[in-house]
Amino acid sequence: MLLTDEQLEHFHREGYLVAQKVIPERYIVDLQQEIDSVIDAEAKKLYAEGEITQLHEELGFLHRATELSKESAKVINPVYSGNHSGRAMFNLLTCPEILDIMEQLVGPEIIASSIYRLRPKLPDRPEGIVPWHQDSGYFHTCADAHLVPTCWVPLMNATIQTGCMEVLPRSHKQGVFRHYVANLLAPSLTVHPDHLPDRQPVPVPAAVGDVVLMTNMTPHRSTDNTSGLVRWATDLRYNAPAAGDYGPGEAGFLARSKETPEKVLTDWRQFDRLRKEHVPQSKADRSWLNYDQETFLDPAKRVDENLPKFR
């Protein structure tokens, strides 16, 4: 399903777009089942070690990890962030419906970014409250002049109650804002309050099958998950080769190419091996000040004045 001219115009004007019913259900179900299998293996390991006392094998995707994590959050570690590189994860990264849209945005030569993430957002946990940031704040500066779209894919219906994404629209054409490393339990890189655009936040709820598209310069956050369930989502990123290796700590791959189709990665086992055997060559060349080194016009506006502290 290609984006319409109206959708493309909205994306480029607002910096985000909710594209509905893009991903066929089988890709989502397959990844849910793969996550279930990994969590089952980890739960049995933790049970044998005495870390947890119940396996909750009678529960399904939306409830089992929720109950298991009440005894030990370690149960989600194997699938957290970029740790997981299974067959269903690879299939979603290379989903033709996603790549068709990426071709509209970045052209026919498409790199599946090394920086993809699974996001199990635990309910009522401070580490799930992610502050305002731009993805480029984490990237090597080589990508600053390039579009690196994020495809945020919910694996369950993402509502305001589950802590769906929020964006600051029309704030993506001013470059990378000043960030700082906040004193938070959550991923702590955040836009400095003195540089945060004065825009009204827009919640972007999304259903299974939808894709939330954002630019790498779009400020966004996610709020508290009050639903009582783990909110599952994954964020995928893509770029043209000209954007360079802006995430050198992990391995990306060529997902589509008209120029060199023989170099496109098509086997999930090669993908898994590539991820696990990658040796980081360098770190991103952008750095930000720590919260106790940074200065603020109004310290009360610091995000870590209002959210649970790490230290």
C-alpha atoms as a PDB file:
ATOM      1  CA  MET A   1       0.000   0.000   0.000  1.00  0.00           C
ATOM      2  CA  LEU A   2       1.622   3.217  -1.172  1.00  0.00           C
ATOM      3  CA  LEU A   3       1.091   6.557   0.538  1.00  0.00           C
ATOM      4  CA  THR A   4      -1.187   8.982  -1.268  1.00  0.00           C
ATOM      5  CA  ASP A   5      -0.016  12.436  -2.284  1.00  0.00           C
ATOM      6  CA  GLU A   6      -2.040  13.832   0.621  1.00  0.00           C
ATOM      7  CA  GLN A   7      -0.347  11.489   3.092  1.00  0.00           C
ATOM      8  CA  LEU A   8       3.099  12.335   1.758  1.00  0.00           C
ATOM      9  CA  GLU A   9       2.331  16.031   2.043  1.00  0.00           C
ATOM     10  CA  HIS A  10       1.140  15.555   5.634  1.00  0.00           C
ATOM     11  CA  PHE A  11       4.292  13.612   6.549  1.00  0.00           C
ATOM     12  CA  HIS A  12       6.646  16.226   5.135  1.00  0.00           C
ATOM     13  CA  ARG A  13       4.650  19.154   6.579  1.00  0.00           C
ATOM     14  CA  GLU A  14       3.897  17.778  10.054  1.00  0.00           C
ATOM     15  CA  GLY A  15       6.891  15.484  10.524  1.00  0.00           C
ATOM     16  CA  TYR A  16       4.752  12.421  11.209  1.00  0.00           C
ATOM     17  CA  LEU A  17       1.908  10.344   9.790  1.00  0.00           C
ATOM     18  CA  VAL A  18      -0.261   7.487  11.014  1.00  0.00           C
ATOM     19  CA  ALA A  19      -0.609   5.203   7.995  1.00  0.00           C
ATOM     20  CA  GLN A  20      -3.482   2.830   8.664  1.00  0.00           C
ATOM     21  CA  LYS A  21      -3.748  -0.855   7.776  1.00  0.00           C
ATOM     22  CA  VAL A  22      -0.329  -1.077   6.156  1.00  0.00           C
ATOM     23  CA  ILE A  23       1.065  -4.296   7.624  1.00  0.00           C
ATOM     24  CA  PRO A  24      -0.646  -7.646   6.901  1.00  0.00           C
ATOM     25  CA  GLU A  25      -1.782  -9.378  10.066  1.00  0.00           C
ATOM     26  CA  ARG A  26       0.471 -12.416   9.543  1.00  0.00           C
ATOM     27  CA  TYR A  27       3.612 -10.343  10.145  1.00  0.00           C
ATOM     28  CA  ILE A  28       2.333  -9.124  13.501  1.00  0.00           C
ATOM     29  CA  VAL A  29       1.028 -12.519  14.640  1.00  0.00           C
ATOM     30  CA  ASP A  30       4.279 -14.191  13.611  1.00  0.00           C
ATOM     31  CA  LEU A  31       6.354 -11.738  15.653  1.00  0.00           C
ATOM     32  CA  GLN A  32       4.004 -12.032  18.630  1.00  0.00           C
ATOM     33  CA  GLN A  33       4.440 -15.816  18.565  1.00  0.00           C
ATOM     34  CA  GLU A  34       8.211 -15.500  18.237  1.00  0.00           C
ATOM     35  CA  ILE A  35       8.320 -13.154  21.229  1.00  0.00           C
ATOM     36  CA  ASP A  36       6.124 -15.597  23.157  1.00  0.00           C
ATOM     37  CA  SER A  37       8.579 -18.402  22.433  1.00  0.00           C
ATOM     38  CA  VAL A  38      11.588 -16.391  23.589  1.00  0.00           C
ATOM     39  CA  ILE A  39       9.833 -15.262  26.757  1.00  0.00           C
ATOM     40  CA  ASP A  40       8.731 -18.832  27.469  1.00  0.00           C
ATOM     41  CA  ALA A  41      12.336 -20.029  27.307  1.00  0.00           C
ATOM     42  CA  GLU A  42      13.540 -17.177  29.522  1.00  0.00           C
ATOM     43  CA  ALA A  43      10.730 -17.754  32.033  1.00  0.00           C
ATOM     44  CA  LYS A  44      11.633 -21.432  32.346  1.00  0.00           C
ATOM     45  CA  LYS A  45      15.277 -20.483  32.880  1.00  0.00           C
ATOM     46  CA  LEU A  46      14.372 -17.947  35.584  1.00  0.00           C
ATOM     47  CA  TYR A  47      12.010 -20.451  37.203  1.00  0.00           C
ATOM     48  CA  ALA A  48      14.755 -23.063  37.371  1.00  0.00           C
ATOM     49  CA  GLU A  49      17.057 -20.480  38.960  1.00  0.00           C
ATOM     50  CA  GLY A  50      14.431 -19.542  41.565  1.00  0.00           C
ATOM     51  CA  GLU A  51      14.059 -15.993  40.205  1.00  0.00           C
ATOM     52  CA  ILE A  52      10.315 -16.472  39.640  1.00  0.00           C
ATOM     53  CA  THR A  53       7.785 -18.816  41.261  1.00  0.00           C
ATOM     54  CA  GLN A  54       5.130 -19.104  38.532  1.00  0.00           C
ATOM     55  CA  LEU A  55       5.317 -19.628  34.757  1.00  0.00           C
ATOM     56  CA  HIS A  56       1.808 -18.386  33.842  1.00  0.00           C
ATOM     57  CA  GLU A  57       1.778 -20.735  30.857  1.00  0.00           C
ATOM     58  CA  GLU A  58      -1.996 -20.424  30.549  1.00  0.00           C
ATOM     59  CA  LEU A  59      -1.737 -16.745  29.566  1.00  0.00           C
ATOM     60  CA  GLY A  60      -1.359 -15.332  26.065  1.00  0.00           C
ATOM     61  CA  PHE A  61       0.770 -12.644  24.448  1.00  0.00           C
ATOM     62  CA  LEU A  62      -0.864  -9.600  26.044  1.00  0.00           C
ATOM     63  CA  HIS A  63      -0.941 -10.968  29.595  1.00  0.00           C
ATOM     64  CA  ARG A  64       1.881 -13.437  30.213  1.00  0.00           C
ATOM     65  CA  ALA A  65       4.830 -11.043  30.119  1.00  0.00           C
ATOM     66  CA  THR A  66       2.826  -8.632  32.272  1.00  0.00           C
ATOM     67  CA  GLU A  67       2.403 -11.213  35.023  1.00  0.00           C
ATOM     68  CA  LEU A  68       5.922 -12.639  34.723  1.00  0.00           C
ATOM     69  CA  SER A  69       7.497  -9.187  34.931  1.00  0.00           C
ATOM     70  CA  LYS A  70       5.815  -8.572  38.286  1.00  0.00           C
ATOM     71  CA  GLU A  71       8.287 -11.068  39.757  1.00  0.00           C
ATOM     72  CA  SER A  72      11.250 -10.295  37.503  1.00  0.00           C
ATOM     73  CA  ALA A  73      11.639  -7.770  34.708  1.00  0.00           C
ATOM     74  CA  LYS A  74      14.537  -9.924  33.463  1.00  0.00           C
ATOM     75  CA  VAL A  75      11.992 -12.028  31.587  1.00  0.00           C
ATOM     76  CA  ILE A  76      11.849  -9.465  28.766  1.00  0.00           C
ATOM     77  CA  ASN A  77      15.611  -8.896  28.485  1.00  0.00           C
ATOM     78  CA  PRO A  78      16.147 -11.264  25.504  1.00  0.00           C
ATOM     79  CA  VAL A  79      13.663  -9.315  23.373  1.00  0.00           C
ATOM     80  CA  TYR A  80      14.298  -5.844  24.745  1.00  0.00           C
ATOM     81  CA  SER A  81      15.701  -3.118  22.515  1.00  0.00           C
ATOM     82  CA  GLY A  82      17.840  -4.538  19.677  1.00  0.00           C
ATOM     83  CA  ASN A  83      18.616  -7.840  21.378  1.00  0.00           C
ATOM     84  CA  HIS A  84      16.281  -9.982  19.276  1.00  0.00           C
ATOM     85  CA  SER A  85      17.149 -11.016  15.716  1.00  0.00           C
ATOM     86  CA  GLY A  86      14.802 -13.875  14.888  1.00  0.00           C
ATOM     87  CA  ARG A  87      13.034 -14.909  11.702  1.00  0.00           C
ATOM     88  CA  ALA A  88       9.815 -12.975  12.358  1.00  0.00           C
ATOM     89  CA  MET A  89      11.771  -9.837  13.281  1.00  0.00           C
ATOM     90  CA  PHE A  90      13.654 -10.059   9.980  1.00  0.00           C
ATOM     91  CA  ASN A  91      10.423 -10.650   8.062  1.00  0.00           C
ATOM     92  CA  LEU A  92       8.877  -7.514   9.535  1.00  0.00           C
ATOM     93  CA  LEU A  93      12.000  -5.463   8.778  1.00  0.00           C
ATOM     94  CA  THR A  94      11.784  -6.604   5.157  1.00  0.00           C
ATOM     95  CA  CYS A  95       7.983  -6.478   4.863  1.00  0.00           C
ATOM     96  CA  PRO A  96       7.277  -5.385   1.249  1.00  0.00           C
ATOM     97  CA  GLU A  97       4.485  -3.063   2.344  1.00  0.00           C
ATOM     98  CA  ILE A  98       6.904  -1.159   4.585  1.00  0.00           C
ATOM     99  CA  LEU A  99       9.679  -1.119   1.979  1.00  0.00           C
ATOM    100  CA  ASP A 100       7.272   0.224  -0.654  1.00  0.00           C
ATOM    101  CA  ILE A 101       6.605   3.240   1.573  1.00  0.00           C
ATOM    102  CA  MET A 102      10.289   3.627   2.351  1.00  0.00           C
ATOM    103  CA  GLU A 103      11.014   3.702  -1.363  1.00  0.00           C
ATOM    104  CA  GLN A 104       8.628   6.645  -1.650  1.00  0.00           C
ATOM    105  CA  LEU A 105      10.513   8.450   1.116  1.00  0.00           C
ATOM    106  CA  VAL A 106      14.202   7.596   0.632  1.00  0.00           C
ATOM    107  CA  GLY A 107      14.426   6.106  -2.854  1.00  0.00           C
ATOM    108  CA  PRO A 108      15.011   2.622  -4.315  1.00  0.00           C
ATOM    109  CA  GLU A 109      18.243   1.863  -2.425  1.00  0.00           C
ATOM    110  CA  ILE A 110      17.100   1.040   1.108  1.00  0.00           C
ATOM    111  CA  ILE A 111      19.183   0.206   4.158  1.00  0.00           C
ATOM    112  CA  ALA A 112      17.365  -1.400   7.084  1.00  0.00           C
ATOM    113  CA  SER A 113      18.952   0.527   9.931  1.00  0.00           C
ATOM    114  CA  SER A 114      21.037  -1.121  12.590  1.00  0.00           C
ATOM    115  CA  ILE A 115      18.953   0.822  15.123  1.00  0.00           C
ATOM    116  CA  TYR A 116      15.718  -1.156  15.302  1.00  0.00           C
ATOM    117  CA  ARG A 117      14.100  -1.799  18.646  1.00  0.00           C
ATOM    118  CA  LEU A 118      11.488  -3.963  20.333  1.00  0.00           C
ATOM    119  CA  ARG A 119       9.674  -1.947  22.990  1.00  0.00           C
ATOM    120  CA  PRO A 120       7.969  -3.891  25.778  1.00  0.00           C
ATOM    121  CA  LYS A 121       6.659  -0.971  27.836  1.00  0.00           C
ATOM    122  CA  LEU A 122       5.837  -2.297  31.288  1.00  0.00           C
ATOM    123  CA  PRO A 123       2.757  -0.827  32.996  1.00  0.00           C
ATOM    124  CA  ASP A 124       3.199   1.769  35.734  1.00  0.00           C
ATOM    125  CA  ARG A 125       6.983   1.672  35.547  1.00  0.00           C
ATOM    126  CA  PRO A 126       9.062   4.876  35.444  1.00  0.00           C
ATOM    127  CA  GLU A 127      11.562   3.432  32.977  1.00  0.00           C
ATOM    128  CA  GLY A 128       8.768   3.372  30.391  1.00  0.00           C
ATOM    129  CA  ILE A 129       8.178   7.135  30.494  1.00  0.00           C
ATOM    130  CA  VAL A 130      10.416   8.318  27.666  1.00  0.00           C
ATOM    131  CA  PRO A 131      11.033  12.097  27.500  1.00  0.00           C
ATOM    132  CA  TRP A 132      11.048  14.394  24.468  1.00  0.00           C
ATOM    133  CA  HIS A 133      13.878  13.588  22.091  1.00  0.00           C
ATOM    134  CA  GLN A 134      14.799  13.413  18.422  1.00  0.00           C
ATOM    135  CA  ASP A 135      16.176  10.161  17.068  1.00  0.00           C
ATOM    136  CA  SER A 136      19.024  12.088  15.481  1.00  0.00           C
ATOM    137  CA  GLY A 137      20.092  13.083  18.981  1.00  0.00           C
ATOM    138  CA  TYR A 138      21.364   9.509  19.294  1.00  0.00           C
ATOM    139  CA  PHE A 139      22.851   9.277  15.793  1.00  0.00           C
ATOM    140  CA  HIS A 140      26.253   9.966  14.288  1.00  0.00           C
ATOM    141  CA  THR A 141      26.207  13.427  12.683  1.00  0.00           C
ATOM    142  CA  CYS A 142      26.636  11.910   9.206  1.00  0.00           C
ATOM    143  CA  ALA A 143      22.844  11.415   9.083  1.00  0.00           C
ATOM    144  CA  ASP A 144      21.907  14.992   9.973  1.00  0.00           C
ATOM    145  CA  ALA A 145      21.388  16.061   6.359  1.00  0.00           C
ATOM    146  CA  HIS A 146      19.392  12.943   5.458  1.00  0.00           C
ATOM    147  CA  LEU A 147      15.912  11.597   6.046  1.00  0.00           C
ATOM    148  CA  VAL A 148      15.931   8.527   8.297  1.00  0.00           C
ATOM    149  CA  PRO A 149      12.252   7.595   8.697  1.00  0.00           C
ATOM    150  CA  THR A 150      11.120   5.728  11.776  1.00  0.00           C
ATOM    151  CA  CYS A 151       8.341   3.165  11.340  1.00  0.00           C
ATOM    152  CA  TRP A 152       6.793   2.694  14.772  1.00  0.00           C
ATOM    153  CA  VAL A 153       4.758  -0.515  14.604  1.00  0.00           C
ATOM    154  CA  PRO A 154       2.364  -1.436  17.437  1.00  0.00           C
ATOM    155  CA  LEU A 155       2.087  -5.128  18.224  1.00  0.00           C
ATOM    156  CA  MET A 156      -1.120  -4.402  20.133  1.00  0.00           C
ATOM    157  CA  ASN A 157      -3.500  -1.463  19.907  1.00  0.00           C
ATOM    158  CA  ALA A 158      -1.508   1.527  21.183  1.00  0.00           C
ATOM    159  CA  THR A 159      -3.809   3.918  23.024  1.00  0.00           C
ATOM    160  CA  ILE A 160      -3.310   6.901  25.288  1.00  0.00           C
ATOM    161  CA  GLN A 161      -3.818   4.523  28.221  1.00  0.00           C
ATOM    162  CA  THR A 162      -0.992   2.245  27.073  1.00  0.00           C
ATOM    163  CA  GLY A 163       1.336   5.221  26.622  1.00  0.00           C
ATOM    164  CA  CYS A 164       1.217   5.726  22.868  1.00  0.00           C
ATOM    165  CA  MET A 165       3.591   8.061  21.096  1.00  0.00           C
ATOM    166  CA  GLU A 166       3.229  11.839  21.246  1.00  0.00           C
ATOM    167  CA  VAL A 167       4.855  14.193  18.751  1.00  0.00           C
ATOM    168  CA  LEU A 168       5.552  17.910  18.435  1.00  0.00           C
ATOM    169  CA  PRO A 169       4.289  18.593  14.907  1.00  0.00           C
ATOM    170  CA  ARG A 170       6.031  20.948  12.475  1.00  0.00           C
ATOM    171  CA  SER A 171       9.197  20.936  14.572  1.00  0.00           C
ATOM    172  CA  HIS A 172      11.345  18.766  12.322  1.00  0.00           C
ATOM    173  CA  LYS A 173      12.932  21.338  10.008  1.00  0.00           C
ATOM    174  CA  GLN A 174      15.147  23.101  12.543  1.00  0.00           C
ATOM    175  CA  GLY A 175      17.944  20.559  12.780  1.00  0.00           C
ATOM    176  CA  VAL A 176      18.988  18.721  15.919  1.00  0.00           C
ATOM    177  CA  PHE A 177      17.947  20.534  19.075  1.00  0.00           C
ATOM    178  CA  ARG A 178      20.234  20.707  22.053  1.00  0.00           C
ATOM    179  CA  HIS A 179      19.771  17.621  24.242  1.00  0.00           C
ATOM    180  CA  TYR A 180      21.105  16.602  27.639  1.00  0.00           C
ATOM    181  CA  VAL A 181      21.402  13.337  29.557  1.00  0.00           C
ATOM    182  CA  ALA A 182      18.695  13.543  32.189  1.00  0.00           C
ATOM    183  CA  ASN A 183      18.635  11.863  35.587  1.00  0.00           C
ATOM    184  CA  LEU A 184      15.961   9.281  34.739  1.00  0.00           C
ATOM    185  CA  LEU A 185      15.195   5.589  34.953  1.00  0.00           C
ATOM    186  CA  ALA A 186      13.947   5.767  31.357  1.00  0.00           C
ATOM    187  CA  PRO A 187      16.179   6.257  28.296  1.00  0.00           C
ATOM    188  CA  SER A 188      17.518   9.561  29.477  1.00  0.00           C
ATOM    189  CA  LEU A 189      18.496  11.603  26.429  1.00  0.00           C
ATOM    190  CA  THR A 190      16.055  14.492  26.163  1.00  0.00           C
ATOM    191  CA  VAL A 191      15.667  17.839  24.441  1.00  0.00           C
ATOM    192  CA  HIS A 192      16.980  20.644  26.645  1.00  0.00           C
ATOM    193  CA  PRO A 193      13.960  22.577  27.990  1.00  0.00           C
ATOM    194  CA  ASP A 194      15.429  25.895  26.854  1.00  0.00           C
ATOM    195  CA  HIS A 195      15.394  24.558  23.281  1.00  0.00           C
ATOM    196  CA  LEU A 196      12.137  22.596  23.252  1.00  0.00           C
ATOM    197  CA  PRO A 197       9.785  23.909  20.531  1.00  0.00           C
ATOM    198  CA  ASP A 198       6.680  25.665  21.802  1.00  0.00           C
ATOM    199  CA  ARG A 199       4.171  23.325  20.195  1.00  0.00           C
ATOM    200  CA  GLN A 200       1.118  21.495  21.470  1.00  0.00           C
ATOM    201  CA  PRO A 201       1.858  17.770  21.815  1.00  0.00           C
ATOM    202  CA  VAL A 202      -0.234  15.500  19.596  1.00  0.00           C
ATOM    203  CA  PRO A 203      -0.986  11.931  20.751  1.00  0.00           C
ATOM    204  CA  VAL A 204      -0.748   9.373  17.944  1.00  0.00           C
ATOM    205  CA  PRO A 205      -2.684   6.252  18.909  1.00  0.00           C
ATOM    206  CA  ALA A 206      -2.365   3.411  16.425  1.00  0.00           C
ATOM    207  CA  ALA A 207      -3.984   0.018  15.895  1.00  0.00           C
ATOM    208  CA  VAL A 208      -2.406  -3.286  14.985  1.00  0.00           C
ATOM    209  CA  GLY A 209      -1.540  -3.084  11.285  1.00  0.00           C
ATOM    210  CA  ASP A 210      -0.909   0.666  11.397  1.00  0.00           C
ATOM    211  CA  VAL A 211       2.479   2.346  11.110  1.00  0.00           C
ATOM    212  CA  VAL A 212       3.421   5.621  12.780  1.00  0.00           C
ATOM    213  CA  LEU A 213       5.934   7.329  10.496  1.00  0.00           C
ATOM    214  CA  MET A 214       8.265  10.031  11.818  1.00  0.00           C
ATOM    215  CA  THR A 215      11.354  11.806  10.595  1.00  0.00           C
ATOM    216  CA  ASN A 216      14.609  11.512  12.498  1.00  0.00           C
ATOM    217  CA  MET A 217      14.187  15.183  13.484  1.00  0.00           C
ATOM    218  CA  THR A 218      10.635  14.905  14.865  1.00  0.00           C
ATOM    219  CA  PRO A 219      10.531  15.459  18.652  1.00  0.00           C
ATOM    220  CA  HIS A 220       8.536  12.680  20.274  1.00  0.00           C
ATOM    221  CA  ARG A 221       7.963  10.958  23.590  1.00  0.00           C
ATOM    222  CA  SER A 222       5.842   8.280  25.223  1.00  0.00           C
ATOM    223  CA  THR A 223       3.956   8.755  28.452  1.00  0.00           C
ATOM    224  CA  ASP A 224       3.003   6.409  31.291  1.00  0.00           C
ATOM    225  CA  ASN A 225       1.398   3.069  30.517  1.00  0.00           C
ATOM    226  CA  THR A 226      -1.617   2.858  32.837  1.00  0.00           C
ATOM    227  CA  SER A 227      -3.363  -0.013  31.048  1.00  0.00           C
ATOM    228  CA  GLY A 228      -2.156  -2.811  33.319  1.00  0.00           C
ATOM    229  CA  LEU A 229      -0.634  -4.619  30.319  1.00  0.00           C
ATOM    230  CA  VAL A 230       2.764  -4.574  28.666  1.00  0.00           C
ATOM    231  CA  ARG A 231       2.517  -2.292  25.641  1.00  0.00           C
ATOM    232  CA  TRP A 232       4.355  -4.053  22.822  1.00  0.00           C
ATOM    233  CA  ALA A 233       5.709  -2.141  19.848  1.00  0.00           C
ATOM    234  CA  THR A 234       8.717  -2.118  17.585  1.00  0.00           C
ATOM    235  CA  ASP A 235      10.412   0.797  15.881  1.00  0.00           C
ATOM    236  CA  LEU A 236      12.204   0.236  12.598  1.00  0.00           C
ATOM    237  CA  ARG A 237      14.368   2.722  10.716  1.00  0.00           C
ATOM    238  CA  TYR A 238      15.449   2.975   7.099  1.00  0.00           C
ATOM    239  CA  ASN A 239      17.661   5.222   5.016  1.00  0.00           C
ATOM    240  CA  ALA A 240      19.395   5.651   1.702  1.00  0.00           C
ATOM    241  CA  PRO A 241      23.063   4.555   1.670  1.00  0.00           C
ATOM    242  CA  ALA A 242      24.139   8.207   1.491  1.00  0.00           C
ATOM    243  CA  ALA A 243      23.084   8.690   5.128  1.00  0.00           C
ATOM    244  CA  GLY A 244      26.131   6.673   6.199  1.00  0.00           C
ATOM    245  CA  ASP A 245      26.616   4.446   9.216  1.00  0.00           C
ATOM    246  CA  TYR A 246      24.994   6.629  11.870  1.00  0.00           C
ATOM    247  CA  GLY A 247      24.594   3.689  14.283  1.00  0.00           C
ATOM    248  CA  PRO A 248      28.007   1.995  14.115  1.00  0.00           C
ATOM    249  CA  GLY A 249      27.487   0.053  17.321  1.00  0.00           C
ATOM    250  CA  GLU A 250      25.139  -2.403  15.583  1.00  0.00           C
ATOM    251  CA  ALA A 251      24.716  -4.011  12.163  1.00  0.00           C
ATOM    252  CA  GLY A 252      22.241  -2.900   9.488  1.00  0.00           C
ATOM    253  CA  PHE A 253      21.751  -4.435   6.063  1.00  0.00           C
ATOM    254  CA  LEU A 254      20.651  -3.748   2.489  1.00  0.00           C
ATOM    255  CA  ALA A 255      16.917  -4.457   2.360  1.00  0.00           C
ATOM    256  CA  ARG A 256      16.070  -3.409  -1.221  1.00  0.00           C
ATOM    257  CA  SER A 257      18.146  -2.377  -4.222  1.00  0.00           C
ATOM    258  CA  LYS A 258      17.714  -1.852  -7.944  1.00  0.00           C
ATOM    259  CA  GLU A 259      21.410  -1.163  -8.453  1.00  0.00           C
ATOM    260  CA  THR A 260      22.810  -4.209  -6.633  1.00  0.00           C
ATOM    261  CA  PRO A 261      19.938  -6.653  -5.969  1.00  0.00           C
ATOM    262  CA  GLU A 262      22.427  -9.467  -5.448  1.00  0.00           C
ATOM    263  CA  LYS A 263      23.610  -7.738  -2.253  1.00  0.00           C
ATOM    264  CA  VAL A 264      20.154  -7.613  -0.658  1.00  0.00           C
ATOM    265  CA  LEU A 265      19.969  -9.723   2.489  1.00  0.00           C
ATOM    266  CA  THR A 266      17.235 -12.344   2.101  1.00  0.00           C
ATOM    267  CA  ASP A 267      18.022 -15.000   4.727  1.00  0.00           C
ATOM    268  CA  TRP A 268      17.053 -14.344   8.345  1.00  0.00           C
ATOM    269  CA  ARG A 269      19.848 -16.634   9.539  1.00  0.00           C
ATOM    270  CA  GLN A 270      22.409 -14.361   7.895  1.00  0.00           C
ATOM    271  CA  PHE A 271      20.678 -11.423   9.568  1.00  0.00           C
ATOM    272  CA  ASP A 272      20.871 -13.137  12.951  1.00  0.00           C
ATOM    273  CA  ARG A 273      24.547 -13.947  12.461  1.00  0.00           C
ATOM    274  CA  LEU A 274      25.282 -10.414  11.254  1.00  0.00           C
ATOM    275  CA  ARG A 275      23.717  -8.948  14.394  1.00  0.00           C
ATOM    276  CA  LYS A 276      25.413 -11.309  16.824  1.00  0.00           C
ATOM    277  CA  GLU A 277      28.875 -11.213  15.258  1.00  0.00           C
ATOM    278  CA  HIS A 278      29.042  -7.469  14.603  1.00  0.00           C
ATOM    279  CA  VAL A 279      32.075  -5.752  16.079  1.00  0.00           C
ATOM    280  CA  PRO A 280      31.450  -2.029  16.696  1.00  0.00           C
ATOM    281  CA  GLN A 281      33.937   0.066  14.765  1.00  0.00           C
ATOM    282  CA  SER A 282      33.279   3.346  16.536  1.00  0.00           C
ATOM    283  CA  LYS A 283      30.765   5.273  18.588  1.00  0.00           C
ATOM    284  CA  ALA A 284      28.465   8.030  17.412  1.00  0.00           C
ATOM    285  CA  ASP A 285      30.423  11.276  17.207  1.00  0.00           C
ATOM    286  CA  ARG A 286      27.743  13.370  18.926  1.00  0.00           C
ATOM    287  CA  SER A 287      27.856  13.837  22.676  1.00  0.00           C
ATOM    288  CA  TRP A 288      25.681  15.714  25.156  1.00  0.00           C
ATOM    289  CA  LEU A 289      26.251  17.076  28.634  1.00  0.00           C
ATOM    290  CA  ASN A 290      25.104  15.196  31.697  1.00  0.00           C
ATOM    291  CA  TYR A 291      22.297  16.700  33.792  1.00  0.00           C
ATOM    292  CA  ASP A 292      24.733  17.805  36.514  1.00  0.00           C
ATOM    293  CA  GLN A 293      26.985  19.561  33.960  1.00  0.00           C
ATOM    294  CA  GLU A 294      24.274  21.322  31.964  1.00  0.00           C
ATOM    295  CA  THR A 295      22.870  24.794  32.686  1.00  0.00           C
ATOM    296  CA  PHE A 296      19.196  25.777  32.547  1.00  0.00           C
ATOM    297  CA  LEU A 297      17.427  29.134  32.388  1.00  0.00           C
ATOM    298  CA  ASP A 298      14.667  27.619  34.522  1.00  0.00           C
ATOM    299  CA  PRO A 299      15.806  24.432  36.299  1.00  0.00           C
ATOM    300  CA  ALA A 300      12.184  23.687  37.253  1.00  0.00           C
ATOM    301  CA  LYS A 301      11.529  22.847  33.593  1.00  0.00           C
ATOM    302  CA  ARG A 302      14.008  19.989  33.625  1.00  0.00           C
ATOM    303  CA  VAL A 303      12.219  16.793  32.665  1.00  0.00           C
ATOM    304  CA  ASP A 304      13.923  14.966  35.509  1.00  0.00           C
ATOM    305  CA  GLU A 305      12.417  17.359  38.027  1.00  0.00           C
ATOM    306  CA  ASN A 306       9.028  15.759  37.378  1.00  0.00           C
ATOM    307  CA  LEU A 307       9.880  12.121  36.590  1.00  0.00           C
ATOM    308  CA  PRO A 308      11.405   9.362  38.752  1.00  0.00           C
ATOM    309  CA  LYS A 309      15.147   9.692  39.151  1.00  0.00           C
ATOM    310  CA  PHE A 310      17.765   7.123  38.249  1.00  0.00           C
ATOM    311  CA  ARG A 311      20.267   8.226  40.887  1.00  0.00           C
END
